[in-house]
Amino acid sequence: MKRLIAVVAAVLLLASCSVSPSKKFESSGKVTSCSEIQVDRVVNKGTVVPCIDGGPGIVMESLRGPVVVNVWGSWCAPCRAEMPHFVALANTKKINIVGVDVEEKNRETGKAFMESHGMTWPVLYDPDGRTKMLYGLGVPVTFYINAKGEVAYRHVGIIKSDQILFEEVKKYLGIDL
């Protein structure tokens, strides 16, 4: 009996660690130019991160909001699971989003992820982890950047619903969705 309980407990524990398959997206994503990212052009020193489309990147310290910065990787199961919530946020067209694809093996993998997951916002490409000094280790992580370029809030870990994401945008950036 003890063995049966142990097996059942192990199965339940392993099942709770899995991530449900990605939701099908109504529209396909696209690779968007980073020229749409709002920056303070006076700030020209700091951590430069190239755009995933191969275009010029930006100095991360020059970001100006309100903007939601989502740090992800296609290899990250929780990142895949939370992406539908960012697509829903983008569809409101009320807030800017910037993605940072970290430690991806190549740009093409990141671009394919964007297209297959319905992403339509600019994404920066950080294959060597240079943003770790700014954002820390681990993904997913989401930052809410205000108009002064300050981090108003940092959400570490998966965002589990549209409601949570929308409430955080309202609470930390003052934008009612």
N, C-alpha and C. Protein backbone atom coordinates (compact mmCIF):
# COMPACT_ATOMS: atom_id res chain seq x y z
N MET A 1 0.82 -1.19 0.00
CA MET A 1 0.00 0.00 0.00
C MET A 1 0.87 1.26 0.00
N LYS A 2 1.95 1.25 0.81
CA LYS A 2 2.84 2.41 0.86
C LYS A 2 3.48 2.65 -0.50
N ARG A 3 3.82 1.54 -1.18
CA ARG A 3 4.43 1.67 -2.49
C ARG A 3 3.46 2.30 -3.49
N LEU A 4 2.20 1.91 -3.44
CA LEU A 4 1.18 2.46 -4.32
C LEU A 4 1.00 3.95 -4.07
N ILE A 5 0.97 4.34 -2.82
CA ILE A 5 0.83 5.76 -2.46
C ILE A 5 2.04 6.54 -2.96
N ALA A 6 3.23 5.97 -2.83
CA ALA A 6 4.44 6.64 -3.29
C ALA A 6 4.42 6.82 -4.81
N VAL A 7 3.97 5.80 -5.54
CA VAL A 7 3.89 5.88 -6.99
C VAL A 7 2.87 6.94 -7.41
N VAL A 8 1.71 6.95 -6.78
CA VAL A 8 0.68 7.93 -7.10
C VAL A 8 1.19 9.34 -6.80
N ALA A 9 1.85 9.52 -5.68
CA ALA A 9 2.39 10.83 -5.31
C ALA A 9 3.43 11.29 -6.32
N ALA A 10 4.30 10.37 -6.76
CA ALA A 10 5.33 10.71 -7.74
C ALA A 10 4.70 11.11 -9.07
N VAL A 11 3.69 10.38 -9.52
CA VAL A 11 3.01 10.70 -10.77
C VAL A 11 2.35 12.08 -10.67
N LEU A 12 1.68 12.36 -9.56
CA LEU A 12 1.04 13.67 -9.38
C LEU A 12 2.07 14.79 -9.35
N LEU A 13 3.19 14.56 -8.70
CA LEU A 13 4.24 15.57 -8.63
C LEU A 13 4.81 15.86 -10.02
N LEU A 14 5.09 14.81 -10.77
CA LEU A 14 5.62 15.00 -12.12
C LEU A 14 4.61 15.68 -13.03
N ALA A 15 3.34 15.32 -12.89
CA ALA A 15 2.31 15.94 -13.72
C ALA A 15 2.15 17.42 -13.40
N SER A 16 2.33 17.80 -12.17
CA SER A 16 2.19 19.21 -11.79
C SER A 16 3.32 20.06 -12.32
N CYS A 17 4.45 19.46 -12.70
CA CYS A 17 5.58 20.20 -13.23
C CYS A 17 5.49 20.42 -14.72
N SER A 18 4.57 19.75 -15.38
CA SER A 18 4.49 19.89 -16.83
C SER A 18 3.77 21.18 -17.19
N VAL A 19 3.99 21.63 -18.40
CA VAL A 19 3.33 22.82 -18.91
C VAL A 19 2.42 22.39 -20.03
N SER A 20 1.19 22.91 -20.03
CA SER A 20 0.25 22.52 -21.06
C SER A 20 0.75 23.00 -22.42
N PRO A 21 0.34 22.30 -23.48
CA PRO A 21 0.80 22.68 -24.81
C PRO A 21 0.36 24.10 -25.15
N SER A 22 1.12 24.73 -26.03
CA SER A 22 0.81 26.10 -26.42
C SER A 22 -0.55 26.17 -27.09
N LYS A 23 -1.27 27.24 -26.77
CA LYS A 23 -2.56 27.52 -27.35
C LYS A 23 -2.36 27.87 -28.82
N LYS A 24 -3.30 27.49 -29.66
CA LYS A 24 -3.24 27.86 -31.07
C LYS A 24 -3.53 29.35 -31.18
N PHE A 25 -2.79 30.02 -32.03
CA PHE A 25 -2.94 31.45 -32.18
C PHE A 25 -3.81 31.75 -33.39
N GLU A 26 -4.71 32.75 -33.21
CA GLU A 26 -5.63 33.13 -34.28
C GLU A 26 -4.89 33.78 -35.44
N SER A 27 -3.84 34.52 -35.14
CA SER A 27 -3.09 35.18 -36.21
C SER A 27 -1.62 34.79 -36.08
N SER A 28 -0.96 34.78 -37.21
CA SER A 28 0.45 34.46 -37.14
C SER A 28 1.23 35.71 -36.75
N GLY A 29 2.36 35.48 -36.15
CA GLY A 29 3.20 36.59 -35.73
C GLY A 29 4.06 37.08 -36.87
N LYS A 30 4.83 38.12 -36.57
CA LYS A 30 5.74 38.67 -37.57
C LYS A 30 6.92 39.31 -36.85
N VAL A 31 8.01 39.39 -37.55
CA VAL A 31 9.19 40.03 -37.01
C VAL A 31 9.04 41.53 -37.29
N THR A 32 9.06 42.32 -36.21
CA THR A 32 8.81 43.75 -36.28
C THR A 32 10.11 44.51 -36.06
N SER A 33 10.26 45.60 -36.75
CA SER A 33 11.46 46.45 -36.63
C SER A 33 11.57 47.04 -35.23
N CYS A 34 12.78 47.10 -34.74
CA CYS A 34 13.03 47.70 -33.43
C CYS A 34 13.01 49.23 -33.47
N SER A 35 12.85 49.80 -34.65
CA SER A 35 12.77 51.26 -34.75
C SER A 35 11.51 51.79 -34.07
N GLU A 36 10.56 50.91 -33.79
CA GLU A 36 9.32 51.30 -33.10
C GLU A 36 9.51 51.44 -31.58
N ILE A 37 10.64 51.00 -31.06
CA ILE A 37 10.88 51.04 -29.61
C ILE A 37 11.14 52.48 -29.18
N GLN A 38 10.43 52.92 -28.13
CA GLN A 38 10.61 54.28 -27.60
C GLN A 38 11.87 54.33 -26.74
N VAL A 39 12.78 55.21 -27.13
CA VAL A 39 14.03 55.37 -26.39
C VAL A 39 14.33 56.85 -26.19
N ASP A 40 15.17 57.13 -25.22
CA ASP A 40 15.71 58.46 -25.02
C ASP A 40 17.01 58.51 -25.81
N ARG A 41 17.02 59.22 -26.91
CA ARG A 41 18.17 59.25 -27.82
C ARG A 41 19.40 59.91 -27.20
N VAL A 42 19.21 60.64 -26.10
CA VAL A 42 20.34 61.27 -25.41
C VAL A 42 21.18 60.20 -24.70
N VAL A 43 20.52 59.12 -24.26
CA VAL A 43 21.22 58.03 -23.57
C VAL A 43 21.87 57.15 -24.63
N ASN A 44 23.19 57.19 -24.69
CA ASN A 44 23.88 56.41 -25.72
C ASN A 44 24.97 55.50 -25.17
N LYS A 45 25.02 55.38 -23.85
CA LYS A 45 25.98 54.46 -23.23
C LYS A 45 25.22 53.45 -22.38
N GLY A 46 25.70 52.23 -22.44
CA GLY A 46 25.06 51.18 -21.66
C GLY A 46 25.11 49.86 -22.39
N THR A 47 24.13 49.03 -22.13
CA THR A 47 24.06 47.69 -22.69
C THR A 47 23.35 47.72 -24.04
N VAL A 48 24.11 47.56 -25.11
CA VAL A 48 23.54 47.58 -26.45
C VAL A 48 23.12 46.17 -26.83
N VAL A 49 21.87 46.05 -27.26
CA VAL A 49 21.33 44.75 -27.66
C VAL A 49 20.78 44.88 -29.07
N PRO A 50 21.22 44.02 -29.99
CA PRO A 50 20.75 44.11 -31.38
C PRO A 50 19.30 43.66 -31.53
N CYS A 51 18.71 44.09 -32.62
CA CYS A 51 17.35 43.67 -32.94
C CYS A 51 17.40 42.27 -33.56
N ILE A 52 16.37 41.49 -33.30
CA ILE A 52 16.35 40.12 -33.83
C ILE A 52 16.26 40.10 -35.35
N ASP A 53 15.76 41.20 -35.95
CA ASP A 53 15.65 41.24 -37.41
C ASP A 53 16.97 41.58 -38.08
N GLY A 54 18.04 41.77 -37.29
CA GLY A 54 19.35 42.09 -37.83
C GLY A 54 19.60 43.58 -37.92
N GLY A 55 18.58 44.37 -37.66
CA GLY A 55 18.72 45.83 -37.69
C GLY A 55 19.43 46.33 -36.45
N PRO A 56 19.65 47.66 -36.43
CA PRO A 56 20.34 48.23 -35.28
C PRO A 56 19.58 47.95 -33.99
N GLY A 57 20.33 47.77 -32.95
CA GLY A 57 19.72 47.51 -31.66
C GLY A 57 19.51 48.79 -30.90
N ILE A 58 19.36 48.66 -29.60
CA ILE A 58 19.17 49.82 -28.74
C ILE A 58 20.04 49.70 -27.50
N VAL A 59 20.24 50.82 -26.87
CA VAL A 59 20.87 50.84 -25.55
C VAL A 59 19.75 50.58 -24.56
N MET A 60 19.83 49.50 -23.83
CA MET A 60 18.73 49.10 -22.94
C MET A 60 18.39 50.19 -21.92
N GLU A 61 19.39 50.90 -21.45
CA GLU A 61 19.17 51.94 -20.46
C GLU A 61 18.41 53.14 -21.04
N SER A 62 18.26 53.19 -22.38
CA SER A 62 17.55 54.29 -23.02
C SER A 62 16.05 54.01 -23.19
N LEU A 63 15.60 52.82 -22.83
CA LEU A 63 14.17 52.48 -22.95
C LEU A 63 13.32 53.47 -22.18
N ARG A 64 12.23 53.92 -22.79
CA ARG A 64 11.27 54.79 -22.12
C ARG A 64 9.88 54.22 -22.32
N GLY A 65 9.12 54.31 -21.30
CA GLY A 65 7.78 53.75 -21.32
C GLY A 65 6.72 54.80 -21.49
N PRO A 66 5.51 54.38 -21.24
CA PRO A 66 5.26 53.09 -20.62
C PRO A 66 5.47 51.93 -21.60
N VAL A 67 6.16 50.91 -21.11
CA VAL A 67 6.45 49.73 -21.92
C VAL A 67 6.57 48.51 -21.02
N VAL A 68 6.13 47.40 -21.56
CA VAL A 68 6.28 46.10 -20.89
C VAL A 68 7.41 45.38 -21.61
N VAL A 69 8.44 44.99 -20.85
CA VAL A 69 9.58 44.26 -21.41
C VAL A 69 9.51 42.83 -20.93
N ASN A 70 9.34 41.90 -21.87
CA ASN A 70 9.25 40.48 -21.55
C ASN A 70 10.51 39.78 -22.02
N VAL A 71 11.23 39.16 -21.08
CA VAL A 71 12.46 38.43 -21.37
C VAL A 71 12.10 36.94 -21.47
N TRP A 72 12.45 36.33 -22.59
CA TRP A 72 12.03 34.97 -22.88
C TRP A 72 13.08 34.23 -23.72
N GLY A 73 12.83 32.96 -23.93
CA GLY A 73 13.62 32.13 -24.84
C GLY A 73 12.71 31.04 -25.38
N SER A 74 12.86 30.67 -26.62
CA SER A 74 11.99 29.65 -27.20
C SER A 74 12.19 28.29 -26.53
N TRP A 75 13.33 28.10 -25.90
CA TRP A 75 13.68 26.85 -25.22
C TRP A 75 13.03 26.76 -23.84
N CYS A 76 12.36 27.81 -23.39
CA CYS A 76 11.80 27.93 -22.04
C CYS A 76 10.30 27.59 -22.06
N ALA A 77 9.93 26.46 -21.47
CA ALA A 77 8.52 26.03 -21.47
C ALA A 77 7.59 27.06 -20.83
N PRO A 78 7.92 27.64 -19.66
CA PRO A 78 7.04 28.66 -19.10
C PRO A 78 6.90 29.89 -20.00
N CYS A 79 7.95 30.22 -20.74
CA CYS A 79 7.89 31.36 -21.68
C CYS A 79 6.87 31.06 -22.78
N ARG A 80 6.88 29.84 -23.28
CA ARG A 80 5.91 29.45 -24.30
C ARG A 80 4.50 29.50 -23.74
N ALA A 81 4.34 29.06 -22.50
CA ALA A 81 3.02 29.00 -21.89
C ALA A 81 2.43 30.39 -21.64
N GLU A 82 3.26 31.38 -21.34
CA GLU A 82 2.73 32.72 -21.04
C GLU A 82 2.53 33.59 -22.28
N MET A 83 3.05 33.18 -23.43
CA MET A 83 3.01 34.04 -24.61
C MET A 83 1.59 34.42 -25.05
N PRO A 84 0.58 33.56 -24.92
CA PRO A 84 -0.77 33.99 -25.31
C PRO A 84 -1.25 35.23 -24.54
N HIS A 85 -0.78 35.41 -23.33
CA HIS A 85 -1.19 36.58 -22.53
C HIS A 85 -0.56 37.86 -23.08
N PHE A 86 0.66 37.76 -23.60
CA PHE A 86 1.31 38.92 -24.20
C PHE A 86 0.68 39.23 -25.56
N VAL A 87 0.26 38.20 -26.29
CA VAL A 87 -0.46 38.43 -27.54
C VAL A 87 -1.77 39.17 -27.25
N ALA A 88 -2.47 38.76 -26.20
CA ALA A 88 -3.71 39.45 -25.81
C ALA A 88 -3.43 40.90 -25.43
N LEU A 89 -2.33 41.13 -24.73
CA LEU A 89 -1.94 42.49 -24.37
C LEU A 89 -1.64 43.31 -25.62
N ALA A 90 -0.89 42.76 -26.54
CA ALA A 90 -0.57 43.46 -27.78
C ALA A 90 -1.84 43.79 -28.57
N ASN A 91 -2.80 42.90 -28.54
CA ASN A 91 -4.03 43.11 -29.29
C ASN A 91 -4.87 44.27 -28.77
N THR A 92 -4.62 44.71 -27.53
CA THR A 92 -5.34 45.88 -27.01
C THR A 92 -4.88 47.15 -27.69
N LYS A 93 -3.64 47.15 -28.20
CA LYS A 93 -3.02 48.31 -28.86
C LYS A 93 -2.96 49.53 -27.94
N LYS A 94 -2.91 49.30 -26.62
CA LYS A 94 -2.88 50.39 -25.65
C LYS A 94 -1.54 50.52 -24.93
N ILE A 95 -0.64 49.57 -25.14
CA ILE A 95 0.65 49.58 -24.44
C ILE A 95 1.71 48.99 -25.36
N ASN A 96 2.90 49.53 -25.30
CA ASN A 96 4.00 48.98 -26.08
C ASN A 96 4.61 47.79 -25.34
N ILE A 97 5.06 46.84 -26.14
CA ILE A 97 5.75 45.66 -25.61
C ILE A 97 7.08 45.56 -26.34
N VAL A 98 8.10 45.18 -25.61
CA VAL A 98 9.41 44.86 -26.19
C VAL A 98 9.81 43.50 -25.66
N GLY A 99 10.19 42.61 -26.55
CA GLY A 99 10.68 41.31 -26.14
C GLY A 99 12.20 41.29 -26.13
N VAL A 100 12.75 40.45 -25.28
CA VAL A 100 14.19 40.21 -25.28
C VAL A 100 14.37 38.69 -25.32
N ASP A 101 14.84 38.20 -26.45
CA ASP A 101 15.07 36.76 -26.66
C ASP A 101 16.48 36.45 -26.17
N VAL A 102 16.58 35.71 -25.07
CA VAL A 102 17.89 35.46 -24.46
C VAL A 102 18.38 34.04 -24.71
N GLU A 103 19.69 33.96 -24.90
CA GLU A 103 20.41 32.69 -25.00
C GLU A 103 19.81 31.74 -26.03
N GLU A 104 19.32 32.32 -27.11
CA GLU A 104 18.77 31.55 -28.23
C GLU A 104 19.94 31.06 -29.07
N LYS A 105 19.83 29.86 -29.64
CA LYS A 105 20.96 29.34 -30.41
C LYS A 105 21.22 30.12 -31.68
N ASN A 106 20.17 30.72 -32.27
CA ASN A 106 20.36 31.59 -33.43
C ASN A 106 19.11 32.43 -33.65
N ARG A 107 19.26 33.47 -34.46
CA ARG A 107 18.15 34.39 -34.72
C ARG A 107 16.97 33.69 -35.37
N GLU A 108 17.27 32.76 -36.27
CA GLU A 108 16.20 32.09 -37.01
C GLU A 108 15.26 31.33 -36.08
N THR A 109 15.81 30.72 -35.03
CA THR A 109 14.98 30.01 -34.06
C THR A 109 14.06 30.99 -33.34
N GLY A 110 14.60 32.13 -32.95
CA GLY A 110 13.79 33.16 -32.29
C GLY A 110 12.71 33.71 -33.20
N LYS A 111 13.05 33.97 -34.45
CA LYS A 111 12.08 34.47 -35.42
C LYS A 111 10.96 33.46 -35.66
N ALA A 112 11.32 32.20 -35.79
CA ALA A 112 10.30 31.15 -36.00
C ALA A 112 9.36 31.08 -34.80
N PHE A 113 9.91 31.23 -33.60
CA PHE A 113 9.08 31.24 -32.39
C PHE A 113 8.11 32.42 -32.44
N MET A 114 8.60 33.59 -32.79
CA MET A 114 7.76 34.78 -32.86
C MET A 114 6.61 34.57 -33.83
N GLU A 115 6.92 34.05 -35.00
CA GLU A 115 5.90 33.85 -36.02
C GLU A 115 4.88 32.80 -35.62
N SER A 116 5.34 31.73 -35.00
CA SER A 116 4.42 30.64 -34.63
C SER A 116 3.62 30.94 -33.37
N HIS A 117 4.04 31.93 -32.58
CA HIS A 117 3.35 32.24 -31.34
C HIS A 117 2.57 33.56 -31.38
N GLY A 118 2.41 34.12 -32.57
CA GLY A 118 1.56 35.29 -32.74
C GLY A 118 2.15 36.60 -32.26
N MET A 119 3.46 36.66 -32.09
CA MET A 119 4.11 37.87 -31.59
C MET A 119 4.21 38.91 -32.71
N THR A 120 3.86 40.15 -32.40
CA THR A 120 3.86 41.22 -33.40
C THR A 120 4.59 42.46 -32.91
N TRP A 121 5.35 42.34 -31.84
CA TRP A 121 6.06 43.48 -31.26
C TRP A 121 7.56 43.32 -31.48
N PRO A 122 8.30 44.43 -31.33
CA PRO A 122 9.76 44.36 -31.53
C PRO A 122 10.44 43.46 -30.51
N VAL A 123 11.45 42.74 -30.98
CA VAL A 123 12.19 41.83 -30.11
C VAL A 123 13.68 42.07 -30.30
N LEU A 124 14.37 42.17 -29.19
CA LEU A 124 15.82 42.29 -29.18
C LEU A 124 16.42 40.90 -29.02
N TYR A 125 17.62 40.72 -29.51
CA TYR A 125 18.27 39.40 -29.53
C TYR A 125 19.52 39.43 -28.66
N ASP A 126 19.50 38.63 -27.60
CA ASP A 126 20.60 38.59 -26.63
C ASP A 126 21.14 37.17 -26.52
N PRO A 127 21.93 36.73 -27.52
CA PRO A 127 22.41 35.35 -27.50
C PRO A 127 23.46 35.07 -26.44
N ASP A 128 24.16 36.09 -25.99
CA ASP A 128 25.25 35.87 -25.04
C ASP A 128 24.92 36.29 -23.62
N GLY A 129 23.69 36.66 -23.34
CA GLY A 129 23.28 36.96 -21.97
C GLY A 129 23.75 38.31 -21.45
N ARG A 130 24.01 39.25 -22.32
CA ARG A 130 24.52 40.56 -21.87
C ARG A 130 23.50 41.33 -21.03
N THR A 131 22.21 40.99 -21.15
CA THR A 131 21.20 41.70 -20.36
C THR A 131 21.09 41.17 -18.93
N LYS A 132 21.81 40.12 -18.61
CA LYS A 132 21.76 39.56 -17.25
C LYS A 132 22.11 40.59 -16.19
N MET A 133 23.03 41.50 -16.52
CA MET A 133 23.42 42.53 -15.55
C MET A 133 22.25 43.46 -15.25
N LEU A 134 21.37 43.65 -16.23
CA LEU A 134 20.20 44.51 -16.03
C LEU A 134 19.02 43.75 -15.47
N TYR A 135 18.77 42.56 -16.02
CA TYR A 135 17.55 41.84 -15.72
C TYR A 135 17.72 40.65 -14.79
N GLY A 136 18.95 40.25 -14.53
CA GLY A 136 19.17 39.11 -13.67
C GLY A 136 19.07 37.80 -14.43
N LEU A 137 19.23 36.73 -13.69
CA LEU A 137 19.19 35.39 -14.28
C LEU A 137 17.77 34.86 -14.30
N GLY A 138 17.54 33.97 -15.20
CA GLY A 138 16.27 33.25 -15.25
C GLY A 138 15.25 33.90 -16.15
N VAL A 139 14.44 33.08 -16.75
CA VAL A 139 13.31 33.51 -17.58
C VAL A 139 12.14 32.61 -17.26
N PRO A 140 10.95 33.04 -17.46
CA PRO A 140 10.59 34.37 -17.93
C PRO A 140 10.64 35.40 -16.80
N VAL A 141 10.84 36.63 -17.23
CA VAL A 141 10.77 37.76 -16.32
C VAL A 141 10.19 38.92 -17.12
N THR A 142 9.35 39.71 -16.48
CA THR A 142 8.67 40.82 -17.15
C THR A 142 8.90 42.09 -16.35
N PHE A 143 9.26 43.14 -17.07
CA PHE A 143 9.51 44.45 -16.45
C PHE A 143 8.51 45.46 -16.95
N TYR A 144 8.08 46.32 -16.05
CA TYR A 144 7.18 47.41 -16.37
C TYR A 144 8.01 48.68 -16.24
N ILE A 145 8.29 49.33 -17.38
CA ILE A 145 9.17 50.50 -17.43
C ILE A 145 8.30 51.75 -17.59
N ASN A 146 8.52 52.74 -16.72
CA ASN A 146 7.73 53.97 -16.79
C ASN A 146 8.35 54.96 -17.78
N ALA A 147 7.72 56.14 -17.88
CA ALA A 147 8.15 57.15 -18.85
C ALA A 147 9.55 57.68 -18.57
N LYS A 148 10.00 57.59 -17.34
CA LYS A 148 11.35 58.05 -16.97
C LYS A 148 12.41 56.99 -17.25
N GLY A 149 11.99 55.81 -17.67
CA GLY A 149 12.92 54.72 -17.92
C GLY A 149 13.22 53.90 -16.68
N GLU A 150 12.44 54.10 -15.64
CA GLU A 150 12.64 53.37 -14.38
C GLU A 150 11.81 52.09 -14.36
N VAL A 151 12.34 51.09 -13.71
CA VAL A 151 11.59 49.85 -13.54
C VAL A 151 10.56 50.08 -12.43
N ALA A 152 9.29 50.11 -12.83
CA ALA A 152 8.21 50.30 -11.87
C ALA A 152 7.91 49.01 -11.12
N TYR A 153 8.13 47.87 -11.81
CA TYR A 153 7.87 46.57 -11.19
C TYR A 153 8.56 45.50 -12.01
N ARG A 154 8.98 44.43 -11.33
CA ARG A 154 9.58 43.27 -11.99
C ARG A 154 8.79 42.04 -11.57
N HIS A 155 8.21 41.35 -12.55
CA HIS A 155 7.47 40.11 -12.31
C HIS A 155 8.38 38.95 -12.69
N VAL A 156 8.84 38.21 -11.69
CA VAL A 156 9.72 37.07 -11.93
C VAL A 156 8.86 35.83 -12.06
N GLY A 157 9.06 35.09 -13.14
CA GLY A 157 8.31 33.86 -13.35
C GLY A 157 7.18 34.05 -14.35
N ILE A 158 6.46 32.98 -14.54
CA ILE A 158 5.40 32.94 -15.55
C ILE A 158 4.23 33.84 -15.17
N ILE A 159 3.69 34.51 -16.16
CA ILE A 159 2.43 35.24 -16.00
C ILE A 159 1.35 34.26 -16.42
N LYS A 160 0.43 33.99 -15.50
CA LYS A 160 -0.48 32.87 -15.69
C LYS A 160 -1.83 33.21 -16.32
N SER A 161 -2.12 34.51 -16.51
CA SER A 161 -3.41 34.86 -17.11
C SER A 161 -3.38 36.26 -17.69
N ASP A 162 -4.31 36.51 -18.62
CA ASP A 162 -4.48 37.86 -19.15
C ASP A 162 -4.79 38.82 -18.01
N GLN A 163 -5.65 38.38 -17.11
CA GLN A 163 -6.09 39.23 -16.00
C GLN A 163 -4.90 39.71 -15.17
N ILE A 164 -4.00 38.81 -14.83
CA ILE A 164 -2.81 39.19 -14.03
C ILE A 164 -1.98 40.22 -14.79
N LEU A 165 -1.72 39.96 -16.07
CA LEU A 165 -0.91 40.87 -16.87
C LEU A 165 -1.58 42.24 -16.99
N PHE A 166 -2.86 42.25 -17.28
CA PHE A 166 -3.59 43.52 -17.44
C PHE A 166 -3.64 44.29 -16.12
N GLU A 167 -3.82 43.58 -15.01
CA GLU A 167 -3.85 44.25 -13.70
C GLU A 167 -2.49 44.85 -13.36
N GLU A 168 -1.42 44.16 -13.70
CA GLU A 168 -0.08 44.70 -13.44
C GLU A 168 0.19 45.93 -14.30
N VAL A 169 -0.26 45.92 -15.56
CA VAL A 169 -0.09 47.09 -16.42
C VAL A 169 -0.81 48.28 -15.82
N LYS A 170 -2.02 48.05 -15.33
CA LYS A 170 -2.79 49.15 -14.71
C LYS A 170 -2.13 49.63 -13.41
N LYS A 171 -1.73 48.69 -12.57
CA LYS A 171 -1.17 49.04 -11.28
C LYS A 171 0.17 49.76 -11.40
N TYR A 172 1.05 49.27 -12.27
CA TYR A 172 2.41 49.80 -12.31
C TYR A 172 2.67 50.85 -13.39
N LEU A 173 1.80 50.86 -14.43
CA LEU A 173 2.00 51.85 -15.49
C LEU A 173 0.82 52.80 -15.65
N GLY A 174 -0.28 52.53 -14.91
CA GLY A 174 -1.42 53.42 -14.93
C GLY A 174 -2.26 53.35 -16.20
N ILE A 175 -2.16 52.26 -16.95
CA ILE A 175 -2.92 52.12 -18.18
C ILE A 175 -4.03 51.11 -17.97
N ASP A 176 -5.26 51.59 -18.12
CA ASP A 176 -6.44 50.74 -17.94
C ASP A 176 -6.73 50.03 -19.26
N LEU A 177 -6.73 48.73 -19.21
CA LEU A 177 -6.97 47.94 -20.41
C LEU A 177 -8.39 47.40 -20.38
